[in-house]
Protein backbone atom coordinates (compact mmCIF):
# COMPACT_ATOMS: atom_id res chain seq x y z
CA MET A 1 -92.93 -123.26 -120.61
CA LYS A 2 -90.58 -126.16 -119.96
CA THR A 3 -88.65 -127.78 -122.27
CA THR A 4 -87.01 -131.17 -121.99
CA SER A 5 -85.05 -132.76 -124.48
CA ASN A 6 -83.27 -135.97 -124.90
CA HIS A 7 -79.32 -134.62 -125.71
CA PRO A 8 -77.65 -132.36 -122.27
CA ALA A 9 -76.21 -129.36 -123.13
CA PRO A 10 -73.18 -128.92 -124.06
CA LEU A 11 -72.33 -127.27 -120.37
CA GLY A 12 -74.00 -130.29 -118.68
CA ARG A 13 -71.90 -132.62 -120.53
CA LEU A 14 -68.83 -130.75 -119.44
CA GLY A 15 -69.91 -131.22 -115.52
CA ALA A 16 -70.99 -134.66 -116.06
CA ALA A 17 -67.08 -135.54 -117.74
CA LEU A 18 -65.90 -133.64 -114.71
CA ALA A 19 -67.77 -134.94 -111.80
CA ARG A 20 -66.40 -138.33 -113.35
CA ALA A 21 -63.14 -137.45 -113.49
CA ALA A 22 -63.69 -136.29 -109.54
CA LEU A 23 -64.76 -140.13 -109.03
CA PHE A 24 -62.21 -141.06 -110.45
CA LEU A 25 -60.08 -139.27 -108.37
CA GLY A 26 -61.36 -140.01 -105.07
CA LEU A 27 -61.40 -143.40 -105.95
CA SER A 28 -57.53 -143.61 -107.49
CA ALA A 29 -56.38 -141.63 -103.46
CA CYS A 30 -58.72 -144.02 -101.96
CA LEU A 31 -57.10 -146.48 -103.09
CA ALA A 32 -52.80 -145.39 -103.24
CA ALA A 33 -53.48 -144.45 -99.28
CA PRO A 34 -55.52 -146.48 -97.23
CA ALA A 35 -56.10 -144.94 -94.24
CA LEU A 36 -54.44 -147.24 -91.38
CA ALA A 37 -51.96 -149.70 -93.22
CA GLU A 38 -51.68 -153.34 -90.70
CA PRO A 39 -48.96 -153.69 -88.54
CA LYS A 40 -46.91 -155.84 -89.90
CA GLY A 41 -45.55 -157.80 -87.51
CA LEU A 42 -46.10 -158.55 -83.66
CA LEU A 43 -43.81 -156.14 -82.18
CA GLU A 44 -45.01 -152.85 -83.90
CA THR A 45 -48.41 -153.34 -81.30
CA ILE A 46 -46.17 -153.01 -78.47
CA HIS A 47 -46.49 -149.83 -76.60
CA LYS A 48 -46.50 -151.58 -73.01
CA HIS A 49 -43.79 -152.62 -70.36
CA LYS A 50 -44.88 -153.35 -67.37
CA PHE A 51 -41.67 -153.98 -64.24
CA LEU A 52 -43.80 -157.61 -62.68
CA THR A 53 -41.50 -159.17 -59.72
CA SER A 54 -37.69 -159.28 -59.01
CA THR A 55 -36.31 -162.20 -59.67
CA ALA A 56 -33.75 -162.79 -57.47
CA ALA A 57 -33.95 -166.06 -55.18
CA GLU A 58 -33.85 -166.44 -51.00
CA ASN A 59 -30.90 -167.74 -51.36
CA GLY A 60 -29.60 -164.25 -53.72
CA ASP A 61 -29.18 -166.22 -56.73
CA LEU A 62 -28.94 -163.12 -59.64
CA ASN A 63 -29.38 -162.96 -62.95
CA PRO A 64 -32.05 -164.33 -64.62
CA TYR A 65 -31.74 -166.45 -67.71
CA ALA A 66 -35.21 -168.55 -68.96
CA VAL A 67 -38.50 -167.89 -69.09
CA VAL A 68 -41.42 -170.46 -68.71
CA VAL A 69 -44.55 -169.98 -68.96
CA ALA A 70 -46.70 -173.08 -67.82
CA PRO A 71 -49.02 -175.19 -70.05
CA VAL A 72 -51.21 -177.37 -67.38
CA SER A 73 -51.64 -176.66 -63.47
CA ALA A 74 -49.63 -179.61 -61.98
CA GLY A 75 -48.37 -179.36 -57.80
CA VAL A 76 -47.83 -176.22 -56.82
CA ILE A 77 -47.63 -174.68 -59.97
CA GLU A 78 -50.51 -173.57 -62.05
CA LYS A 79 -51.16 -173.29 -65.67
CA ASP A 80 -49.99 -170.01 -67.45
CA ASP A 81 -46.75 -169.32 -64.47
CA VAL A 82 -43.80 -168.01 -65.12
CA LEU A 83 -40.32 -169.33 -64.36
CA ILE A 84 -37.67 -168.48 -64.23
CA ASP A 85 -34.15 -169.47 -63.37
CA ASN A 86 -30.56 -167.70 -62.67
CA PHE A 87 -27.17 -168.22 -63.37
CA ASN A 88 -25.39 -165.88 -61.08
CA ASN A 89 -24.87 -166.72 -57.44
CA ILE A 90 -24.87 -163.94 -54.72
CA SER A 91 -21.75 -163.33 -55.36
CA ASN A 92 -22.61 -162.77 -58.88
CA LEU A 93 -20.26 -165.23 -60.35
CA GLN A 94 -21.49 -166.70 -63.60
CA GLY A 95 -22.45 -170.63 -63.62
CA THR A 96 -23.08 -170.50 -59.86
CA GLY A 97 -26.83 -170.05 -59.89
CA THR A 98 -28.66 -172.69 -58.76
CA THR A 99 -32.91 -171.69 -58.39
CA ILE A 100 -35.63 -171.73 -60.10
CA VAL A 101 -38.76 -168.70 -59.01
CA ARG A 102 -41.54 -168.95 -59.52
CA TYR A 103 -44.13 -165.37 -60.95
CA ARG A 104 -47.84 -166.14 -60.51
CA PRO A 105 -50.09 -163.22 -62.94
CA GLY A 106 -53.77 -163.63 -61.80
CA THR A 107 -52.04 -162.49 -58.24
CA LYS A 108 -48.90 -161.43 -59.09
CA GLU A 109 -46.95 -164.00 -55.86
CA THR A 110 -43.34 -164.55 -56.97
CA LYS A 111 -41.42 -167.69 -54.64
CA GLN A 112 -39.38 -169.72 -55.18
CA PHE A 113 -40.13 -173.13 -56.76
CA ALA A 114 -36.89 -175.11 -57.27
CA GLN A 115 -33.69 -175.05 -55.52
CA VAL A 116 -30.45 -177.85 -56.40
CA PRO A 117 -26.69 -177.70 -54.08
CA GLN A 118 -24.71 -175.87 -56.39
CA LYS A 119 -21.91 -179.08 -55.46
CA LEU A 120 -24.22 -181.83 -57.05
CA LYS A 121 -23.31 -185.74 -57.94
CA ASP A 122 -23.73 -186.35 -61.79
CA CYS A 123 -23.76 -182.97 -62.62
CA PRO A 124 -20.02 -182.80 -63.66
CA GLY A 125 -19.03 -180.01 -62.50
CA GLY A 126 -21.64 -178.70 -60.25
CA VAL A 127 -24.67 -176.38 -60.99
CA GLY A 128 -25.19 -172.92 -63.39
CA LEU A 129 -28.13 -172.56 -64.75
CA THR A 130 -29.28 -171.28 -67.99
CA THR A 131 -31.80 -170.46 -70.42
CA ALA A 132 -32.02 -174.12 -71.67
CA MET A 133 -35.42 -174.92 -69.56
CA THR A 134 -39.10 -176.34 -70.33
CA MET A 135 -41.76 -177.97 -68.77
CA LEU A 136 -43.29 -180.77 -70.19
CA LYS A 137 -47.78 -180.71 -70.76
CA SER A 138 -47.01 -183.71 -67.51
CA GLY A 139 -45.48 -181.55 -65.05
CA TRP A 140 -42.39 -182.31 -65.28
CA VAL A 141 -39.88 -179.01 -65.50
CA ILE A 142 -36.18 -179.96 -67.24
CA VAL A 143 -33.90 -177.66 -67.13
CA GLY A 144 -29.87 -177.14 -68.39
CA SER A 145 -26.29 -176.54 -66.30
CA THR A 146 -24.07 -175.06 -67.80
CA PRO A 147 -21.27 -175.05 -63.94
CA SER A 148 -18.33 -172.42 -63.42
CA THR A 149 -16.63 -172.16 -60.08
CA ASP A 150 -14.42 -169.22 -60.46
CA GLY A 151 -17.14 -168.34 -62.95
CA THR A 152 -14.98 -168.03 -65.77
CA THR A 153 -15.67 -170.73 -68.38
CA LYS A 154 -11.33 -171.37 -66.91
CA THR A 155 -14.17 -174.03 -64.78
CA LYS A 156 -16.07 -174.45 -66.70
CA GLY A 157 -17.76 -177.78 -66.62
CA ASP A 158 -19.36 -179.64 -68.61
CA GLY A 159 -22.41 -179.97 -67.17
CA CYS A 160 -25.98 -181.48 -67.55
CA LEU A 161 -29.95 -181.02 -67.62
CA LEU A 162 -32.08 -181.34 -64.16
CA VAL A 163 -35.23 -182.83 -64.36
CA PHE A 164 -37.96 -181.38 -61.25
CA ASP A 165 -40.88 -182.92 -60.54
CA PRO A 166 -43.73 -179.81 -60.43
CA ASN A 167 -43.64 -179.82 -57.02
CA GLY A 168 -40.09 -178.20 -57.26
CA LYS A 169 -38.23 -181.69 -56.07
CA HIS A 170 -35.32 -182.55 -57.84
CA VAL A 171 -35.25 -186.39 -59.26
CA ALA A 172 -33.31 -187.28 -62.56
CA THR A 173 -29.90 -185.27 -64.09
CA TRP A 174 -28.67 -186.69 -67.52
CA ALA A 175 -25.04 -186.17 -68.96
CA GLY A 176 -23.26 -187.85 -71.57
CA PRO A 177 -20.81 -187.26 -74.50
CA THR A 178 -22.95 -185.52 -76.32
CA ILE A 179 -23.94 -183.25 -72.63
CA ASN A 180 -20.82 -180.37 -72.74
CA GLY A 181 -22.73 -176.95 -71.28
CA PRO A 182 -26.58 -177.01 -72.25
CA TRP A 183 -27.61 -173.11 -73.11
CA GLY A 184 -29.93 -171.78 -75.34
CA ASN A 185 -33.67 -172.05 -74.91
CA MET A 186 -35.13 -174.96 -74.75
CA VAL A 187 -37.47 -176.26 -77.94
CA THR A 188 -40.50 -178.85 -77.31
CA VAL A 189 -42.60 -180.64 -79.41
CA ASP A 190 -44.31 -182.33 -76.32
CA ARG A 191 -46.82 -185.27 -77.06
CA GLY A 192 -47.96 -186.05 -73.39
CA ASP A 193 -46.65 -189.47 -72.92
CA LYS A 194 -43.74 -189.13 -75.05
CA ALA A 195 -42.10 -185.51 -76.15
CA THR A 196 -38.18 -184.59 -78.17
CA LEU A 197 -36.03 -181.25 -77.43
CA PHE A 198 -34.47 -179.24 -78.99
CA ILE A 199 -31.07 -178.19 -77.26
CA SER A 200 -27.86 -175.42 -77.58
CA MET A 201 -24.20 -176.98 -76.19
CA ALA A 202 -22.09 -174.52 -76.57
CA GLY A 203 -19.03 -176.21 -74.01
CA PHE A 204 -17.03 -178.08 -76.22
CA GLY A 205 -13.74 -177.37 -76.35
CA LEU A 206 -14.46 -174.43 -74.72
CA GLN A 207 -11.25 -172.12 -73.00
CA GLY A 208 -10.87 -170.01 -70.51
CA PRO A 209 -11.22 -166.00 -70.83
CA ASP A 210 -7.30 -166.08 -70.63
CA VAL A 211 -6.04 -166.96 -73.82
CA ILE A 212 -6.61 -164.14 -76.88
CA ASP A 213 -6.20 -164.59 -79.98
CA PRO A 214 -3.30 -162.57 -81.20
CA ASP A 215 -5.39 -161.20 -84.28
CA THR A 216 -8.61 -160.20 -82.91
CA LYS A 217 -7.36 -159.52 -79.58
CA TYR A 218 -10.84 -161.18 -77.81
CA PRO A 219 -10.63 -164.84 -76.89
CA VAL A 220 -10.56 -167.36 -78.68
CA ILE A 221 -13.27 -168.70 -81.00
CA ILE A 222 -13.75 -171.72 -82.52
CA HIS A 223 -16.46 -174.11 -83.80
CA LYS A 224 -18.22 -177.13 -82.07
CA ALA A 225 -20.95 -175.72 -80.60
CA THR A 226 -24.05 -178.46 -81.50
CA VAL A 227 -27.81 -178.56 -81.70
CA LEU A 228 -28.83 -181.39 -80.22
CA ARG A 229 -32.32 -183.40 -80.23
CA LEU A 230 -33.33 -185.56 -77.39
CA GLU A 231 -36.68 -188.34 -77.43
CA LEU A 232 -38.08 -188.53 -74.55
CA THR A 233 -40.37 -191.19 -73.20
CA ILE A 234 -42.59 -189.83 -70.41
CA PRO A 235 -44.30 -193.04 -68.20
CA GLU A 236 -47.31 -192.14 -66.34
CA GLY A 237 -46.95 -190.64 -62.75
CA LYS A 238 -42.52 -190.78 -63.49
CA PRO A 239 -40.55 -188.81 -64.16
CA PRO A 240 -39.22 -188.84 -68.14
CA VAL A 241 -36.99 -191.80 -69.41
CA LEU A 242 -34.32 -189.65 -72.69
CA ASP A 243 -34.66 -192.17 -75.24
CA SER A 244 -31.92 -191.04 -78.51
CA GLN A 245 -29.65 -188.46 -78.48
CA THR A 246 -29.09 -187.25 -82.22
CA VAL A 247 -26.35 -184.46 -83.68
CA ILE A 248 -28.74 -182.37 -86.00
CA GLY A 249 -26.49 -179.12 -86.26
CA ASP A 250 -22.87 -178.01 -85.53
CA GLY A 251 -20.32 -175.64 -86.46
CA PHE A 252 -21.64 -172.93 -84.88
CA ALA A 253 -19.35 -170.05 -83.55
CA GLN A 254 -18.67 -169.80 -79.37
CA ARG A 255 -16.35 -168.45 -77.59
CA ALA A 256 -15.42 -168.07 -73.80
CA ASP A 257 -16.18 -163.78 -72.59
CA ARG A 258 -14.63 -162.76 -69.13
CA ASP A 259 -18.64 -160.15 -69.00
CA ASN A 260 -20.99 -162.94 -70.37
CA PHE A 261 -19.36 -166.42 -70.06
CA LEU A 262 -19.20 -167.41 -73.16
CA PHE A 263 -21.12 -166.63 -76.45
CA GLY A 264 -22.33 -169.30 -78.03
CA PRO A 265 -25.86 -170.34 -79.82
CA THR A 266 -28.74 -169.17 -77.68
CA GLY A 267 -32.17 -168.44 -79.25
CA LEU A 268 -33.90 -172.03 -81.18
CA ALA A 269 -37.26 -171.72 -82.38
CA LEU A 270 -39.08 -174.69 -84.41
CA GLY A 271 -41.85 -173.38 -87.90
CA PRO A 272 -44.51 -174.80 -88.63
CA ASP A 273 -42.19 -177.48 -91.36
CA ASP A 274 -40.07 -178.70 -89.24
CA THR A 275 -37.73 -175.83 -89.90
CA LEU A 276 -35.24 -175.42 -86.76
CA TYR A 277 -34.12 -171.22 -86.27
CA VAL A 278 -30.88 -171.08 -84.46
CA THR A 279 -29.13 -167.63 -83.03
CA ASP A 280 -25.60 -167.30 -84.19
CA GLY A 281 -24.44 -164.25 -81.51
CA LEU A 282 -20.96 -163.97 -82.70
CA ASP A 283 -21.55 -164.41 -86.72
CA ASN A 284 -24.43 -162.21 -86.12
CA GLU A 285 -27.20 -164.01 -88.31
CA ILE A 286 -29.92 -166.61 -87.62
CA THR A 287 -29.61 -169.87 -89.69
CA ALA A 288 -32.45 -173.21 -90.58
CA ILE A 289 -32.08 -176.28 -90.12
CA PRO A 290 -34.20 -178.60 -92.11
CA GLU A 291 -36.62 -181.56 -91.25
CA ALA A 292 -35.29 -181.25 -87.54
CA SER A 293 -37.64 -183.56 -86.21
CA THR A 294 -37.35 -186.59 -88.75
CA ARG A 295 -33.39 -185.78 -89.52
CA THR A 296 -30.99 -188.53 -88.67
CA GLY A 297 -27.42 -186.66 -89.55
CA SER A 298 -25.99 -182.44 -88.74
CA ALA A 299 -27.42 -180.43 -90.75
CA GLY A 300 -23.93 -178.23 -89.79
CA LYS A 301 -25.41 -174.54 -89.05
CA GLY A 302 -28.37 -175.01 -91.55
CA ARG A 303 -28.82 -172.39 -94.02
CA VAL A 304 -28.56 -168.79 -92.99
CA ILE A 305 -31.35 -166.27 -92.94
CA THR A 306 -30.72 -163.20 -92.38
CA ARG A 307 -27.26 -161.92 -90.30
CA GLU A 308 -26.68 -158.00 -89.27
CA GLY A 309 -28.51 -155.16 -90.50
CA LEU A 310 -30.61 -155.50 -86.69
CA LEU A 311 -28.79 -157.95 -85.12
CA ALA A 312 -26.75 -157.52 -82.11
CA TRP A 313 -25.82 -160.55 -81.14
CA PRO A 314 -28.33 -162.20 -81.06
CA LEU A 315 -29.99 -163.82 -77.88
CA ALA A 316 -32.93 -166.12 -76.69
CA MET A 317 -35.91 -165.99 -79.80
CA VAL A 318 -39.71 -167.07 -80.09
CA MET A 319 -42.19 -167.58 -83.27
CA THR A 320 -45.10 -165.59 -82.73
CA PRO A 321 -48.91 -167.15 -83.79
CA GLN A 322 -48.12 -165.24 -86.99
CA GLY A 323 -44.85 -167.23 -87.91
CA HIS A 324 -42.52 -164.39 -87.28
CA LEU A 325 -39.10 -164.67 -84.96
CA ILE A 326 -38.40 -161.86 -81.62
CA VAL A 327 -34.92 -162.27 -81.51
CA CYS A 328 -33.78 -160.51 -77.76
CA ASN A 329 -30.37 -158.58 -78.81
CA GLY A 330 -27.47 -158.64 -76.72
CA LYS A 331 -25.47 -156.24 -77.58
CA ASN A 332 -28.87 -153.29 -77.52
CA GLY A 333 -31.32 -153.24 -75.58
CA GLN A 334 -33.46 -154.53 -79.05
CA ALA A 335 -36.15 -156.65 -80.15
CA VAL A 336 -36.44 -157.99 -84.35
CA GLU A 337 -38.44 -159.18 -85.32
CA ILE A 338 -38.17 -161.24 -89.00
CA ASP A 339 -40.27 -162.70 -90.99
CA PRO A 340 -37.87 -166.08 -91.98
CA VAL A 341 -39.44 -167.18 -94.51
CA ALA A 342 -39.09 -164.18 -96.44
CA GLY A 343 -36.26 -164.32 -94.73
CA LYS A 344 -36.54 -160.29 -93.28
CA GLN A 345 -35.84 -158.11 -90.99
CA ILE A 346 -39.59 -156.89 -89.83
CA TYR A 347 -38.52 -153.62 -87.31
CA ALA A 348 -36.56 -153.22 -84.00
CA HIS A 349 -38.62 -151.77 -80.44
CA TRP A 350 -36.53 -151.20 -77.70
CA LEU A 351 -36.84 -153.15 -75.21
CA ASN A 352 -33.65 -151.72 -72.71
CA THR A 353 -33.33 -148.06 -72.41
CA ASN A 354 -30.76 -148.10 -69.65
CA GLN A 355 -27.83 -145.72 -70.32
CA ALA A 356 -25.28 -147.11 -67.94
CA GLN A 357 -24.46 -149.38 -70.72
CA SER A 358 -23.59 -148.24 -74.56
CA PRO A 359 -25.15 -149.01 -77.01
CA PRO A 360 -28.55 -148.93 -74.11
CA GLY A 361 -29.17 -152.09 -73.12
CA ASN A 362 -26.23 -153.69 -73.96
CA GLY A 363 -25.76 -157.15 -72.08
CA ASN A 364 -29.35 -156.40 -70.18
CA LEU A 365 -31.07 -158.71 -71.90
CA PHE A 366 -31.70 -162.58 -72.26
CA GLY A 367 -34.53 -164.65 -71.79
CA ILE A 368 -38.45 -164.59 -73.61
CA ALA A 369 -41.61 -166.48 -74.02
CA LEU A 370 -44.97 -165.46 -75.63
CA THR A 371 -47.56 -164.84 -73.08
CA PRO A 372 -50.28 -167.66 -73.65
CA ASP A 373 -52.60 -165.31 -75.99
CA GLY A 374 -49.74 -164.04 -77.78
CA LYS A 375 -50.50 -161.38 -77.99
CA GLY A 376 -47.13 -160.28 -76.48
CA PHE A 377 -44.31 -161.46 -74.44
CA TYR A 378 -42.35 -161.83 -71.01
CA TYR A 379 -38.59 -161.10 -70.68
CA VAL A 380 -36.14 -160.91 -69.00
CA GLU A 381 -33.92 -157.42 -67.65
CA ASP A 382 -30.62 -158.87 -66.16
CA ASP A 383 -29.12 -155.05 -65.25
CA ILE A 384 -32.02 -155.37 -62.15
CA ASN A 385 -32.65 -158.88 -61.93
CA SER A 386 -36.62 -158.30 -63.05
CA LEU A 387 -39.24 -159.38 -65.18
CA ARG A 388 -40.97 -157.45 -67.62
CA LEU A 389 -44.38 -157.97 -69.63
CA ALA A 390 -44.63 -156.36 -73.05
CA THR A 391 -47.93 -155.74 -73.92
CA GLN A 392 -50.85 -153.54 -77.21
């Protein structure tokens, strides 16, 4: 006969206690060790690297620098086309490249978009197209020139900014006392009928590579590089007009280099709080200039966000949708992701592992641009004159 009781037997109480303990330990284990940790940034999700096209131009120009994704369809350009310019001519002399090529992701077609004469009137010293390039929503393409005649800074001219229409026709040249060696990748705030551009200028006071510092045995380092803000008005159907120019940063390190032409501030990226981030390769750091769009004077080099660590001569830079910075290293083939608000270096990822250089990939990276979906990026490899795509 079955009997019931309101009190469990001693063994029942022990079993219940063991069950509760097991449940507690199981929950604790689940909380302590999540199954899959979320990636800390974009670089951790990148697993594929794809060769897209050669960037060598029809005239033999080499050494791809700038990478820009077209924001609109205009003229011969379709939205999401990739524009790449070349810094060297067929003789591989730096500061002599005169061409921009266009890659179309949908059809995998590569064509030359624009070419100008190397000795171009109104551009002091001629033409050598750099990483400073952008395309406006109105279709105009603007690119910087830091020219040379012998491939070194010994014959460097002040250079200029060139304006092209969306069919690749050169329509305007901007030069003047604040423009000297337009160098770094260009940040653009485009409002349609008006736009703001931020560009680093690395040419002021720069000497040739044979002027050696007796202490370092390297070319002399000076601190005259600047960051320039340009305000543009864009009349409908007409080329943009340069309204004002303001130096918002100065004192960045620069020097000549026989192999790399020059070292100077290269990467620029604008945060949502109007902070402009700048890579200073020689000092191996990234700095921040506050109130970049509204300030009326220079912030000097700004505030240091991060330095050394995974950085190895930081070059071109982009900001991810997450608000992180991705910067290409010049002294190895890595890209580095940084949280600029926390000032933390998050992750390093190999883009170029060419063993012909030491460290691998040394000197092979330069320009970088996010894909339209923000889940990958385009980059160039100077060693084989190519455009590549990094994706998840």
